[in-house]
C-alpha atoms as a PDB file:
ATOM      1  CA  UNK A   1       1.195  19.297  -1.340  1.00  0.00           C
ATOM      2  CA  UNK A   2      -1.354  16.721  -0.200  1.00  0.00           C
ATOM      3  CA  UNK A   3      -2.600  16.781   3.401  1.00  0.00           C
ATOM      4  CA  UNK A   4      -2.220  13.787   5.694  1.00  0.00           C
ATOM      5  CA  UNK A   5      -5.679  12.251   6.202  1.00  0.00           C
ATOM      6  CA  UNK A   6      -4.578   9.299   8.376  1.00  0.00           C
ATOM      7  CA  UNK A   7      -1.745  10.450  10.662  1.00  0.00           C
ATOM      8  CA  UNK A   8      -1.819   7.107  12.525  1.00  0.00           C
ATOM      9  CA  UNK A   9      -0.802   5.231   9.343  1.00  0.00           C
ATOM     10  CA  UNK A  10       0.555   2.583   9.264  1.00  0.00           C
ATOM     11  CA  UNK A  11      -1.454   0.641  11.799  1.00  0.00           C
ATOM     12  CA  UNK A  12      -2.196  -3.081  11.809  1.00  0.00           C
ATOM     13  CA  UNK A  13      -5.758  -4.238  11.339  1.00  0.00           C
ATOM     14  CA  UNK A  14      -6.651  -1.892   8.470  1.00  0.00           C
ATOM     15  CA  UNK A  15      -6.960  -2.119   4.702  1.00  0.00           C
ATOM     16  CA  UNK A  16      -5.538   1.057   3.181  1.00  0.00           C
ATOM     17  CA  UNK A  17      -5.989   2.608  -0.248  1.00  0.00           C
ATOM     18  CA  UNK A  18      -3.097   4.717  -1.463  1.00  0.00           C
ATOM     19  CA  UNK A  19      -2.692   6.695  -4.644  1.00  0.00           C
ATOM     20  CA  UNK A  20       0.277   7.960  -6.590  1.00  0.00           C
ATOM     21  CA  UNK A  21       0.388   8.983 -10.253  1.00  0.00           C
ATOM     22  CA  UNK A  22       3.160   6.429 -10.919  1.00  0.00           C
ATOM     23  CA  UNK A  23       1.510   3.356  -9.346  1.00  0.00           C
ATOM     24  CA  UNK A  24      -2.143   4.388  -9.451  1.00  0.00           C
ATOM     25  CA  UNK A  25      -4.292   2.891  -6.690  1.00  0.00           C
ATOM     26  CA  UNK A  26      -2.758   0.289  -4.395  1.00  0.00           C
ATOM     27  CA  UNK A  27      -4.645  -1.641  -1.722  1.00  0.00           C
ATOM     28  CA  UNK A  28      -2.765  -2.960   1.331  1.00  0.00           C
ATOM     29  CA  UNK A  29      -3.950  -4.972   4.280  1.00  0.00           C
ATOM     30  CA  UNK A  30      -1.559  -4.543   7.211  1.00  0.00           C
ATOM     31  CA  UNK A  31      -1.544  -6.942  10.141  1.00  0.00           C
ATOM     32  CA  UNK A  32      -0.246  -5.945  13.569  1.00  0.00           C
ATOM     33  CA  UNK A  33       2.571  -8.533  13.401  1.00  0.00           C
ATOM     34  CA  UNK A  34       4.384  -6.787  10.542  1.00  0.00           C
ATOM     35  CA  UNK A  35       2.943  -8.818   7.698  1.00  0.00           C
ATOM     36  CA  UNK A  36       0.982  -7.217   4.870  1.00  0.00           C
ATOM     37  CA  UNK A  37      -0.587  -8.105   1.531  1.00  0.00           C
ATOM     38  CA  UNK A  38      -0.655  -5.897  -1.532  1.00  0.00           C
ATOM     39  CA  UNK A  39      -3.349  -5.791  -4.219  1.00  0.00           C
ATOM     40  CA  UNK A  40      -1.349  -4.159  -6.983  1.00  0.00           C
ATOM     41  CA  UNK A  41      -2.839  -2.971 -10.293  1.00  0.00           C
ATOM     42  CA  UNK A  42      -2.587  -5.539 -13.054  1.00  0.00           C
ATOM     43  CA  UNK A  43      -1.556  -8.402 -10.774  1.00  0.00           C
ATOM     44  CA  UNK A  44      -3.494 -11.659 -10.737  1.00  0.00           C
ATOM     45  CA  UNK A  45      -2.447 -12.555  -7.159  1.00  0.00           C
ATOM     46  CA  UNK A  46      -1.784 -10.708  -3.944  1.00  0.00           C
ATOM     47  CA  UNK A  47       1.802  -9.874  -3.029  1.00  0.00           C
ATOM     48  CA  UNK A  48       2.895 -10.865   0.493  1.00  0.00           C
ATOM     49  CA  UNK A  49       4.889  -8.135   2.200  1.00  0.00           C
ATOM     50  CA  UNK A  50       6.541  -7.261   5.461  1.00  0.00           C
ATOM     51  CA  UNK A  51       6.347  -3.765   6.929  1.00  0.00           C
ATOM     52  CA  UNK A  52       8.030  -1.949   9.784  1.00  0.00           C
ATOM     53  CA  UNK A  53       8.611   1.536  11.108  1.00  0.00           C
ATOM     54  CA  UNK A  54      12.228   2.643  11.319  1.00  0.00           C
ATOM     55  CA  UNK A  55      14.460   5.703  11.372  1.00  0.00           C
ATOM     56  CA  UNK A  56      16.510   6.295   8.254  1.00  0.00           C
ATOM     57  CA  UNK A  57      18.930   9.210   8.170  1.00  0.00           C
ATOM     58  CA  UNK A  58      17.230  10.561  11.304  1.00  0.00           C
ATOM     59  CA  UNK A  59      13.793  10.526   9.688  1.00  0.00           C
ATOM     60  CA  UNK A  60      10.753   8.401  10.625  1.00  0.00           C
ATOM     61  CA  UNK A  61      10.234   5.937   7.787  1.00  0.00           C
ATOM     62  CA  UNK A  62       8.015   3.057   6.770  1.00  0.00           C
ATOM     63  CA  UNK A  63       9.868   0.151   5.233  1.00  0.00           C
ATOM     64  CA  UNK A  64       8.553  -2.642   3.012  1.00  0.00           C
ATOM     65  CA  UNK A  65      10.032  -5.970   1.999  1.00  0.00           C
ATOM     66  CA  UNK A  66       8.563  -7.798  -0.970  1.00  0.00           C
ATOM     67  CA  UNK A  67       9.427 -11.334  -2.103  1.00  0.00           C
ATOM     68  CA  UNK A  68      12.776 -11.682  -3.869  1.00  0.00           C
ATOM     69  CA  UNK A  69      10.995 -12.830  -7.046  1.00  0.00           C
ATOM     70  CA  UNK A  70       8.819  -9.685  -7.163  1.00  0.00           C
ATOM     71  CA  UNK A  71       9.415  -6.738  -9.485  1.00  0.00           C
ATOM     72  CA  UNK A  72       8.387  -3.106  -9.089  1.00  0.00           C
ATOM     73  CA  UNK A  73       7.462  -1.815 -12.561  1.00  0.00           C
ATOM     74  CA  UNK A  74       7.915   1.831 -11.515  1.00  0.00           C
ATOM     75  CA  UNK A  75      11.321   1.647  -9.779  1.00  0.00           C
ATOM     76  CA  UNK A  76      12.533  -1.351 -11.831  1.00  0.00           C
ATOM     77  CA  UNK A  77      13.748  -2.974  -8.591  1.00  0.00           C
ATOM     78  CA  UNK A  78      13.328  -6.551  -7.411  1.00  0.00           C
ATOM     79  CA  UNK A  79      12.286  -7.432  -3.869  1.00  0.00           C
ATOM     80  CA  UNK A  80      14.118  -9.270  -1.131  1.00  0.00           C
ATOM     81  CA  UNK A  81      15.380  -6.421   1.051  1.00  0.00           C
ATOM     82  CA  UNK A  82      13.603  -3.679   2.952  1.00  0.00           C
ATOM     83  CA  UNK A  83      13.059  -0.461   1.015  1.00  0.00           C
ATOM     84  CA  UNK A  84      12.155   2.585   3.101  1.00  0.00           C
ATOM     85  CA  UNK A  85      10.413   5.866   2.416  1.00  0.00           C
ATOM     86  CA  UNK A  86       9.778   8.855   4.669  1.00  0.00           C
ATOM     87  CA  UNK A  87       6.718   8.232   6.815  1.00  0.00           C
ATOM     88  CA  UNK A  88       5.305  11.675   6.047  1.00  0.00           C
ATOM     89  CA  UNK A  89       5.382  10.916   2.316  1.00  0.00           C
ATOM     90  CA  UNK A  90       3.722   7.513   2.776  1.00  0.00           C
ATOM     91  CA  UNK A  91       1.023   9.030   5.008  1.00  0.00           C
ATOM     92  CA  UNK A  92       0.117  11.623   2.375  1.00  0.00           C
ATOM     93  CA  UNK A  93      -0.367   8.871  -0.233  1.00  0.00           C
ATOM     94  CA  UNK A  94      -3.148   7.180   1.790  1.00  0.00           C
ATOM     95  CA  UNK A  95      -6.579   8.355   0.627  1.00  0.00           C
ATOM     96  CA  UNK A  96      -8.956   5.910   2.381  1.00  0.00           C
ATOM     97  CA  UNK A  97      -9.129   2.900   4.686  1.00  0.00           C
ATOM     98  CA  UNK A  98     -11.464   0.093   5.706  1.00  0.00           C
ATOM     99  CA  UNK A  99     -11.388  -1.829   8.999  1.00  0.00           C
ATOM    100  CA  UNK A 100      -9.877  -5.311   9.053  1.00  0.00           C
ATOM    101  CA  UNK A 101      -8.847  -7.476   6.122  1.00  0.00           C
ATOM    102  CA  UNK A 102     -11.791  -6.241   4.068  1.00  0.00           C
ATOM    103  CA  UNK A 103     -10.901  -8.195   0.902  1.00  0.00           C
ATOM    104  CA  UNK A 104      -9.371 -11.245   2.668  1.00  0.00           C
ATOM    105  CA  UNK A 105      -6.035 -10.385   1.057  1.00  0.00           C
ATOM    106  CA  UNK A 106      -4.164 -12.362   3.708  1.00  0.00           C
ATOM    107  CA  UNK A 107      -5.236 -15.549   1.931  1.00  0.00           C
ATOM    108  CA  UNK A 108      -2.952 -14.560  -0.966  1.00  0.00           C
ATOM    109  CA  UNK A 109      -5.790 -14.031  -3.410  1.00  0.00           C
ATOM    110  CA  UNK A 110      -7.279 -10.845  -4.805  1.00  0.00           C
ATOM    111  CA  UNK A 111     -10.977 -10.354  -5.603  1.00  0.00           C
ATOM    112  CA  UNK A 112     -10.284  -9.456  -9.239  1.00  0.00           C
ATOM    113  CA  UNK A 113      -7.608  -7.979 -11.477  1.00  0.00           C
ATOM    114  CA  UNK A 114      -7.705  -4.170 -11.310  1.00  0.00           C
ATOM    115  CA  UNK A 115      -6.402  -1.505 -13.607  1.00  0.00           C
ATOM    116  CA  UNK A 116      -4.027   1.186 -12.340  1.00  0.00           C
ATOM    117  CA  UNK A 117      -6.655   3.934 -12.346  1.00  0.00           C
ATOM    118  CA  UNK A 118      -9.493   1.911 -10.825  1.00  0.00           C
ATOM    119  CA  UNK A 119     -10.091   2.051  -7.076  1.00  0.00           C
ATOM    120  CA  UNK A 120     -12.430  -0.497  -5.460  1.00  0.00           C
ATOM    121  CA  UNK A 121     -15.896   0.991  -4.945  1.00  0.00           C
ATOM    122  CA  UNK A 122     -16.006   0.209  -1.207  1.00  0.00           C
ATOM    123  CA  UNK A 123     -13.492   2.957  -0.400  1.00  0.00           C
ATOM    124  CA  UNK A 124     -14.887   6.432   0.247  1.00  0.00           C
ATOM    125  CA  UNK A 125     -12.697   9.320  -0.924  1.00  0.00           C
ATOM    126  CA  UNK A 126     -12.768  12.243  -3.357  1.00  0.00           C
ATOM    127  CA  UNK A 127     -12.744  10.385  -6.685  1.00  0.00           C
ATOM    128  CA  UNK A 128     -12.544  13.622  -8.645  1.00  0.00           C
ATOM    129  CA  UNK A 129      -9.389  14.717  -6.837  1.00  0.00           C
ATOM    130  CA  UNK A 130      -7.604  11.370  -6.807  1.00  0.00           C
ATOM    131  CA  UNK A 131      -7.581   9.920 -10.301  1.00  0.00           C
ATOM    132  CA  UNK A 132      -5.197   9.177 -13.133  1.00  0.00           C
END
């Protein structure tokens, strides 16, 4: 099991890098007002999101809402409603962070189209341990 590196996650004002074998590397900028922007592998534009902390079935959870016209290629679900996951699981997926909106994702644009297994070079983490 992976250790939690950032126990304060999620926190507004940070750009986070998460990794899972299914999605690869995802980059999220979270603002303190509950808005967020996702730089997802293969996408040509950023995905606006909403995030919140909640309790689901008695467990601390982080919940995300994506636009109704969005599609998650891993879960095969469309957006529009909040989808929650246990906070402890989400925290263990985060491998690095940068202060602020490092890539200006809140403007809806992404710096470039990334592949699933490619993490932006600005993030510092164990690239031998976290890779596809």
